N, C-alpha and C. Protein backbone atom coordinates (compact mmCIF):
# COMPACT_ATOMS: atom_id res chain seq x y z
N MET A 1 57.88 73.30 -24.94
CA MET A 1 58.05 73.28 -26.39
C MET A 1 59.18 74.23 -26.76
N VAL A 2 60.00 73.77 -27.67
CA VAL A 2 61.10 74.58 -28.21
C VAL A 2 60.85 74.76 -29.70
N LEU A 3 60.87 75.99 -30.15
CA LEU A 3 60.79 76.29 -31.57
C LEU A 3 62.22 76.34 -32.11
N VAL A 4 62.46 75.70 -33.23
CA VAL A 4 63.80 75.64 -33.80
C VAL A 4 63.84 76.45 -35.08
N ASP A 5 64.75 77.39 -35.15
CA ASP A 5 64.89 78.28 -36.30
C ASP A 5 65.60 77.57 -37.45
N SER A 6 65.37 78.09 -38.65
CA SER A 6 66.01 77.54 -39.85
C SER A 6 67.53 77.56 -39.77
N SER A 7 68.10 78.52 -39.05
CA SER A 7 69.56 78.60 -38.93
C SER A 7 70.13 77.32 -38.30
N VAL A 8 69.36 76.69 -37.44
CA VAL A 8 69.79 75.44 -36.80
C VAL A 8 69.45 74.25 -37.69
N TRP A 9 68.24 74.23 -38.24
CA TRP A 9 67.85 73.11 -39.11
C TRP A 9 68.78 72.96 -40.30
N ILE A 10 69.15 74.06 -40.91
CA ILE A 10 70.03 74.01 -42.09
C ILE A 10 71.38 73.42 -41.71
N ALA A 11 71.95 73.88 -40.61
CA ALA A 11 73.22 73.31 -40.16
C ALA A 11 73.06 71.82 -39.82
N TYR A 12 71.95 71.47 -39.20
CA TYR A 12 71.67 70.09 -38.81
C TYR A 12 71.61 69.19 -40.04
N PHE A 13 70.84 69.59 -41.06
CA PHE A 13 70.72 68.77 -42.27
C PHE A 13 72.00 68.75 -43.10
N ASN A 14 72.85 69.75 -42.93
CA ASN A 14 74.14 69.77 -43.62
C ASN A 14 75.20 68.99 -42.86
N GLY A 15 74.85 68.42 -41.71
CA GLY A 15 75.78 67.59 -40.95
C GLY A 15 76.77 68.38 -40.11
N ALA A 16 76.52 69.66 -39.89
CA ALA A 16 77.44 70.48 -39.09
C ALA A 16 77.29 70.12 -37.62
N THR A 17 78.41 70.10 -36.93
CA THR A 17 78.40 69.89 -35.49
C THR A 17 78.66 71.22 -34.82
N THR A 18 77.59 71.75 -34.23
CA THR A 18 77.67 73.02 -33.52
C THR A 18 76.98 72.83 -32.17
N GLN A 19 77.12 73.81 -31.34
CA GLN A 19 76.43 73.77 -30.05
C GLN A 19 74.91 73.66 -30.27
N GLU A 20 74.42 74.36 -31.26
CA GLU A 20 72.98 74.36 -31.54
C GLU A 20 72.50 73.03 -32.13
N THR A 21 73.27 72.45 -33.05
CA THR A 21 72.84 71.17 -33.63
C THR A 21 72.94 70.04 -32.61
N GLU A 22 73.91 70.13 -31.73
CA GLU A 22 74.00 69.14 -30.64
C GLU A 22 72.79 69.26 -29.72
N ARG A 23 72.39 70.48 -29.43
CA ARG A 23 71.21 70.71 -28.59
C ARG A 23 69.96 70.20 -29.28
N LEU A 24 69.82 70.46 -30.58
CA LEU A 24 68.68 69.97 -31.33
C LEU A 24 68.62 68.45 -31.29
N ASP A 25 69.73 67.81 -31.50
CA ASP A 25 69.79 66.35 -31.48
C ASP A 25 69.29 65.82 -30.13
N ALA A 26 69.71 66.46 -29.05
CA ALA A 26 69.26 66.05 -27.72
C ALA A 26 67.77 66.34 -27.53
N LEU A 27 67.32 67.50 -27.97
CA LEU A 27 65.92 67.88 -27.80
C LEU A 27 64.97 66.93 -28.51
N LEU A 28 65.36 66.45 -29.69
CA LEU A 28 64.48 65.59 -30.47
C LEU A 28 64.09 64.32 -29.72
N SER A 29 64.91 63.91 -28.77
CA SER A 29 64.57 62.72 -27.99
C SER A 29 64.09 63.04 -26.58
N GLN A 30 64.07 64.32 -26.20
CA GLN A 30 63.75 64.68 -24.82
C GLN A 30 62.45 65.44 -24.64
N GLU A 31 62.11 66.33 -25.55
CA GLU A 31 60.93 67.16 -25.35
C GLU A 31 60.36 67.60 -26.69
N PRO A 32 59.14 68.13 -26.67
CA PRO A 32 58.52 68.54 -27.93
C PRO A 32 59.32 69.64 -28.64
N VAL A 33 59.47 69.46 -29.93
CA VAL A 33 60.17 70.41 -30.78
C VAL A 33 59.21 70.84 -31.88
N GLY A 34 59.21 72.12 -32.19
CA GLY A 34 58.34 72.60 -33.25
C GLY A 34 59.05 73.58 -34.15
N LEU A 35 58.33 74.01 -35.16
CA LEU A 35 58.84 75.03 -36.06
C LEU A 35 57.66 75.78 -36.63
N GLY A 36 57.94 76.89 -37.24
CA GLY A 36 56.89 77.69 -37.85
C GLY A 36 56.79 77.41 -39.33
N ASP A 37 55.64 77.76 -39.90
CA ASP A 37 55.44 77.55 -41.33
C ASP A 37 56.49 78.27 -42.18
N LEU A 38 56.88 79.47 -41.76
CA LEU A 38 57.92 80.20 -42.51
C LEU A 38 59.27 79.50 -42.41
N ILE A 39 59.55 78.92 -41.26
CA ILE A 39 60.80 78.17 -41.06
C ILE A 39 60.78 76.93 -41.94
N LEU A 40 59.65 76.26 -41.99
CA LEU A 40 59.50 75.08 -42.85
C LEU A 40 59.83 75.44 -44.30
N THR A 41 59.30 76.56 -44.77
CA THR A 41 59.58 77.01 -46.13
C THR A 41 61.07 77.29 -46.33
N GLU A 42 61.66 78.02 -45.39
CA GLU A 42 63.09 78.37 -45.51
C GLU A 42 63.96 77.12 -45.60
N VAL A 43 63.65 76.12 -44.80
CA VAL A 43 64.48 74.91 -44.76
C VAL A 43 64.26 74.08 -46.02
N LEU A 44 63.01 73.80 -46.34
CA LEU A 44 62.73 72.90 -47.47
C LEU A 44 63.15 73.46 -48.82
N GLN A 45 63.09 74.77 -48.99
CA GLN A 45 63.45 75.34 -50.29
C GLN A 45 64.94 75.21 -50.60
N GLY A 46 65.74 74.90 -49.59
CA GLY A 46 67.18 74.81 -49.80
C GLY A 46 67.68 73.46 -50.30
N PHE A 47 66.83 72.44 -50.33
CA PHE A 47 67.28 71.11 -50.75
C PHE A 47 67.33 71.01 -52.26
N ARG A 48 68.47 70.56 -52.75
CA ARG A 48 68.63 70.40 -54.20
C ARG A 48 68.15 69.03 -54.67
N LEU A 49 68.44 68.00 -53.88
CA LEU A 49 68.09 66.64 -54.28
C LEU A 49 66.71 66.27 -53.76
N ASP A 50 65.91 65.66 -54.63
CA ASP A 50 64.55 65.26 -54.25
C ASP A 50 64.55 64.30 -53.07
N LYS A 51 65.49 63.39 -53.02
CA LYS A 51 65.55 62.42 -51.93
C LYS A 51 65.77 63.13 -50.59
N ASP A 52 66.69 64.08 -50.56
CA ASP A 52 66.96 64.83 -49.33
C ASP A 52 65.74 65.67 -48.94
N TYR A 53 65.09 66.25 -49.94
CA TYR A 53 63.88 67.05 -49.69
C TYR A 53 62.81 66.18 -49.04
N ARG A 54 62.58 65.01 -49.59
CA ARG A 54 61.54 64.12 -49.05
C ARG A 54 61.87 63.67 -47.63
N THR A 55 63.13 63.36 -47.36
CA THR A 55 63.53 62.94 -46.01
C THR A 55 63.30 64.07 -45.01
N ALA A 56 63.75 65.27 -45.36
CA ALA A 56 63.57 66.42 -44.47
C ALA A 56 62.10 66.75 -44.28
N LYS A 57 61.34 66.71 -45.35
CA LYS A 57 59.91 67.01 -45.28
C LYS A 57 59.21 66.03 -44.34
N LYS A 58 59.56 64.76 -44.43
CA LYS A 58 58.95 63.75 -43.56
C LYS A 58 59.25 64.03 -42.09
N LEU A 59 60.52 64.33 -41.79
CA LEU A 59 60.90 64.63 -40.41
C LEU A 59 60.22 65.90 -39.91
N LEU A 60 60.32 66.96 -40.68
CA LEU A 60 59.82 68.25 -40.22
C LEU A 60 58.30 68.26 -40.06
N THR A 61 57.58 67.61 -40.97
CA THR A 61 56.12 67.61 -40.87
C THR A 61 55.61 66.66 -39.79
N SER A 62 56.50 65.88 -39.19
CA SER A 62 56.09 65.05 -38.06
C SER A 62 56.11 65.85 -36.75
N LEU A 63 56.66 67.04 -36.80
CA LEU A 63 56.75 67.91 -35.63
C LEU A 63 55.55 68.87 -35.61
N THR A 64 55.41 69.59 -34.52
CA THR A 64 54.37 70.61 -34.43
C THR A 64 54.79 71.78 -35.32
N ILE A 65 53.88 72.17 -36.22
CA ILE A 65 54.15 73.31 -37.10
C ILE A 65 53.12 74.39 -36.80
N TYR A 66 53.62 75.57 -36.46
CA TYR A 66 52.77 76.70 -36.11
C TYR A 66 52.57 77.62 -37.30
N ASP A 67 51.37 78.14 -37.42
CA ASP A 67 51.11 79.25 -38.33
C ASP A 67 51.58 80.50 -37.59
N LEU A 68 52.62 81.13 -38.09
CA LEU A 68 53.29 82.18 -37.33
C LEU A 68 52.63 83.55 -37.36
N LEU A 69 51.84 83.83 -38.36
CA LEU A 69 51.39 85.21 -38.51
C LEU A 69 49.89 85.31 -38.68
N GLY A 70 49.33 86.25 -38.01
CA GLY A 70 47.94 86.67 -38.13
C GLY A 70 47.95 88.17 -37.90
N GLN A 71 46.79 88.78 -37.94
CA GLN A 71 46.72 90.23 -37.82
C GLN A 71 47.32 90.72 -36.50
N ASP A 72 46.94 90.11 -35.40
CA ASP A 72 47.43 90.57 -34.09
C ASP A 72 48.94 90.42 -33.98
N LEU A 73 49.47 89.29 -34.43
CA LEU A 73 50.91 89.08 -34.33
C LEU A 73 51.66 89.98 -35.32
N ALA A 74 51.05 90.25 -36.47
CA ALA A 74 51.68 91.16 -37.44
C ALA A 74 51.87 92.54 -36.82
N ILE A 75 50.86 93.00 -36.12
CA ILE A 75 50.94 94.31 -35.47
C ILE A 75 51.97 94.27 -34.35
N ARG A 76 51.95 93.22 -33.55
CA ARG A 76 52.91 93.11 -32.44
C ARG A 76 54.34 93.03 -32.98
N ALA A 77 54.55 92.31 -34.07
CA ALA A 77 55.89 92.20 -34.67
C ALA A 77 56.36 93.58 -35.14
N ALA A 78 55.47 94.34 -35.76
CA ALA A 78 55.82 95.69 -36.20
C ALA A 78 56.19 96.57 -35.01
N GLU A 79 55.44 96.42 -33.92
CA GLU A 79 55.74 97.19 -32.71
C GLU A 79 57.10 96.80 -32.12
N ASN A 80 57.39 95.51 -32.12
CA ASN A 80 58.70 95.06 -31.62
C ASN A 80 59.83 95.59 -32.50
N TYR A 81 59.65 95.54 -33.80
CA TYR A 81 60.66 96.07 -34.72
C TYR A 81 60.89 97.55 -34.46
N ARG A 82 59.80 98.31 -34.34
CA ARG A 82 59.90 99.75 -34.11
C ARG A 82 60.60 100.05 -32.78
N MET A 83 60.29 99.27 -31.75
CA MET A 83 60.91 99.48 -30.44
C MET A 83 62.43 99.27 -30.53
N LEU A 84 62.83 98.23 -31.25
CA LEU A 84 64.27 98.00 -31.40
C LEU A 84 64.92 99.10 -32.24
N ARG A 85 64.24 99.55 -33.28
CA ARG A 85 64.78 100.65 -34.12
C ARG A 85 64.99 101.91 -33.29
N LYS A 86 64.07 102.19 -32.37
CA LYS A 86 64.20 103.35 -31.50
C LYS A 86 65.43 103.24 -30.62
N ARG A 87 65.89 102.02 -30.38
CA ARG A 87 67.10 101.79 -29.59
C ARG A 87 68.34 101.70 -30.49
N GLY A 88 68.15 101.97 -31.78
CA GLY A 88 69.28 101.96 -32.71
C GLY A 88 69.61 100.59 -33.25
N ILE A 89 68.71 99.63 -33.11
CA ILE A 89 68.94 98.24 -33.56
C ILE A 89 68.05 97.97 -34.76
N THR A 90 68.67 97.56 -35.86
CA THR A 90 67.91 97.20 -37.05
C THR A 90 68.02 95.70 -37.27
N VAL A 91 66.88 95.02 -37.21
CA VAL A 91 66.84 93.59 -37.50
C VAL A 91 66.75 93.45 -39.01
N ARG A 92 67.62 92.64 -39.59
CA ARG A 92 67.75 92.58 -41.04
C ARG A 92 66.60 91.88 -41.76
N LYS A 93 65.97 90.90 -41.10
CA LYS A 93 64.95 90.11 -41.80
C LYS A 93 63.61 90.17 -41.06
N THR A 94 62.58 90.50 -41.80
CA THR A 94 61.24 90.53 -41.24
C THR A 94 60.85 89.15 -40.69
N THR A 95 61.28 88.11 -41.36
CA THR A 95 60.97 86.75 -40.89
C THR A 95 61.47 86.54 -39.47
N ASP A 96 62.65 87.04 -39.16
CA ASP A 96 63.19 86.89 -37.80
C ASP A 96 62.36 87.67 -36.78
N VAL A 97 61.86 88.82 -37.17
CA VAL A 97 61.00 89.61 -36.29
C VAL A 97 59.72 88.81 -35.99
N ILE A 98 59.15 88.20 -37.01
CA ILE A 98 57.93 87.41 -36.84
C ILE A 98 58.18 86.21 -35.93
N ILE A 99 59.26 85.48 -36.18
CA ILE A 99 59.58 84.30 -35.39
C ILE A 99 59.82 84.68 -33.93
N ALA A 100 60.61 85.69 -33.70
CA ALA A 100 60.90 86.11 -32.32
C ALA A 100 59.63 86.57 -31.61
N THR A 101 58.82 87.35 -32.29
CA THR A 101 57.58 87.84 -31.69
C THR A 101 56.64 86.70 -31.37
N PHE A 102 56.53 85.72 -32.27
CA PHE A 102 55.68 84.56 -32.02
C PHE A 102 56.13 83.83 -30.76
N CYS A 103 57.42 83.60 -30.65
CA CYS A 103 57.95 82.91 -29.47
C CYS A 103 57.69 83.70 -28.19
N ILE A 104 57.89 84.99 -28.24
CA ILE A 104 57.65 85.83 -27.07
C ILE A 104 56.17 85.76 -26.67
N GLN A 105 55.29 85.93 -27.64
CA GLN A 105 53.86 85.94 -27.37
C GLN A 105 53.33 84.60 -26.86
N HIS A 106 53.94 83.51 -27.30
CA HIS A 106 53.47 82.17 -26.92
C HIS A 106 54.36 81.50 -25.87
N ASN A 107 55.29 82.28 -25.32
CA ASN A 107 56.16 81.79 -24.26
C ASN A 107 56.91 80.51 -24.66
N LEU A 108 57.44 80.51 -25.87
CA LEU A 108 58.22 79.39 -26.38
C LEU A 108 59.70 79.75 -26.37
N ARG A 109 60.53 78.79 -26.05
CA ARG A 109 61.98 78.99 -26.16
C ARG A 109 62.36 78.81 -27.63
N LEU A 110 63.38 79.55 -28.05
CA LEU A 110 63.84 79.50 -29.44
C LEU A 110 65.27 78.99 -29.48
N LEU A 111 65.48 77.95 -30.28
CA LEU A 111 66.83 77.47 -30.54
C LEU A 111 67.25 78.05 -31.89
N HIS A 112 68.31 78.84 -31.87
CA HIS A 112 68.74 79.53 -33.09
C HIS A 112 70.26 79.67 -33.11
N ALA A 113 70.76 79.98 -34.30
CA ALA A 113 72.17 80.29 -34.48
C ALA A 113 72.28 81.55 -35.32
N ASP A 114 71.43 82.52 -35.01
CA ASP A 114 71.32 83.74 -35.81
C ASP A 114 71.40 84.94 -34.87
N LYS A 115 72.40 85.77 -35.08
CA LYS A 115 72.61 86.92 -34.18
C LYS A 115 71.48 87.93 -34.22
N ASP A 116 70.63 87.90 -35.25
CA ASP A 116 69.51 88.84 -35.32
C ASP A 116 68.49 88.62 -34.21
N PHE A 117 68.53 87.46 -33.56
CA PHE A 117 67.60 87.21 -32.46
C PHE A 117 68.11 87.77 -31.13
N LEU A 118 69.38 88.07 -31.05
CA LEU A 118 69.95 88.53 -29.78
C LEU A 118 69.31 89.79 -29.21
N PRO A 119 68.97 90.80 -30.03
CA PRO A 119 68.28 91.95 -29.45
C PRO A 119 66.92 91.60 -28.83
N PHE A 120 66.27 90.59 -29.37
CA PHE A 120 65.00 90.15 -28.80
C PHE A 120 65.22 89.49 -27.44
N VAL A 121 66.34 88.79 -27.30
CA VAL A 121 66.69 88.19 -26.02
C VAL A 121 66.99 89.29 -25.01
N GLU A 122 67.81 90.24 -25.44
CA GLU A 122 68.28 91.30 -24.53
C GLU A 122 67.18 92.30 -24.15
N HIS A 123 66.34 92.68 -25.11
CA HIS A 123 65.41 93.78 -24.87
C HIS A 123 63.94 93.37 -24.74
N LEU A 124 63.60 92.17 -25.24
CA LEU A 124 62.18 91.79 -25.27
C LEU A 124 61.90 90.45 -24.59
N ASN A 125 62.89 89.94 -23.89
CA ASN A 125 62.73 88.71 -23.10
C ASN A 125 62.44 87.45 -23.90
N LEU A 126 62.96 87.39 -25.13
CA LEU A 126 62.91 86.13 -25.87
C LEU A 126 63.73 85.10 -25.12
N GLN A 127 63.18 83.92 -24.94
CA GLN A 127 63.88 82.87 -24.20
C GLN A 127 64.66 81.98 -25.17
N ARG A 128 65.93 81.82 -24.92
CA ARG A 128 66.78 80.95 -25.74
C ARG A 128 66.71 79.53 -25.23
N ALA A 129 66.85 78.58 -26.12
CA ALA A 129 66.81 77.16 -25.75
C ALA A 129 68.20 76.55 -25.70
N LEU A 130 69.19 77.37 -25.45
CA LEU A 130 70.57 76.86 -25.42
C LEU A 130 71.18 77.18 -24.08
C-alpha cells in the first residue's frame, strides 16, 4: 500500500506532469493506493467548481482512506516532532508530522512532493514511494 500526500494529489488534479504525478498514475493501475482523512480534506477543500469536486470526491473515496490520528499516534507524532527539533529541524505543518508518523508506524510508503517529509526519510526511516 502506498499513501499519497495532498502535494501529489493537488498537482495530479491540476494536470501537472511531475515525477510524482507520473508515479501516481502508474500506481493507480498497479497496486493499492490510499490516503488519510486529513489528506482527503486538504485536497477536496481546494476545488472551486462543484463538478470538479464531485469527480475528485468519487475517485478519492473509492480508495482506502485511513483515520490518521488517535491518542497513541498523537503522542508518537509529538515525539517525532520533538526528536527532529532536537536535531535543529523544524517541520512547518503538524499535518505533515501526523502523516509521516502514520506511515512510519504502519509501514506504508509515502508518495509526496513536499520537502517537509525529507527529515522523516533521513532520520526516522519513512519510506518513499518514488
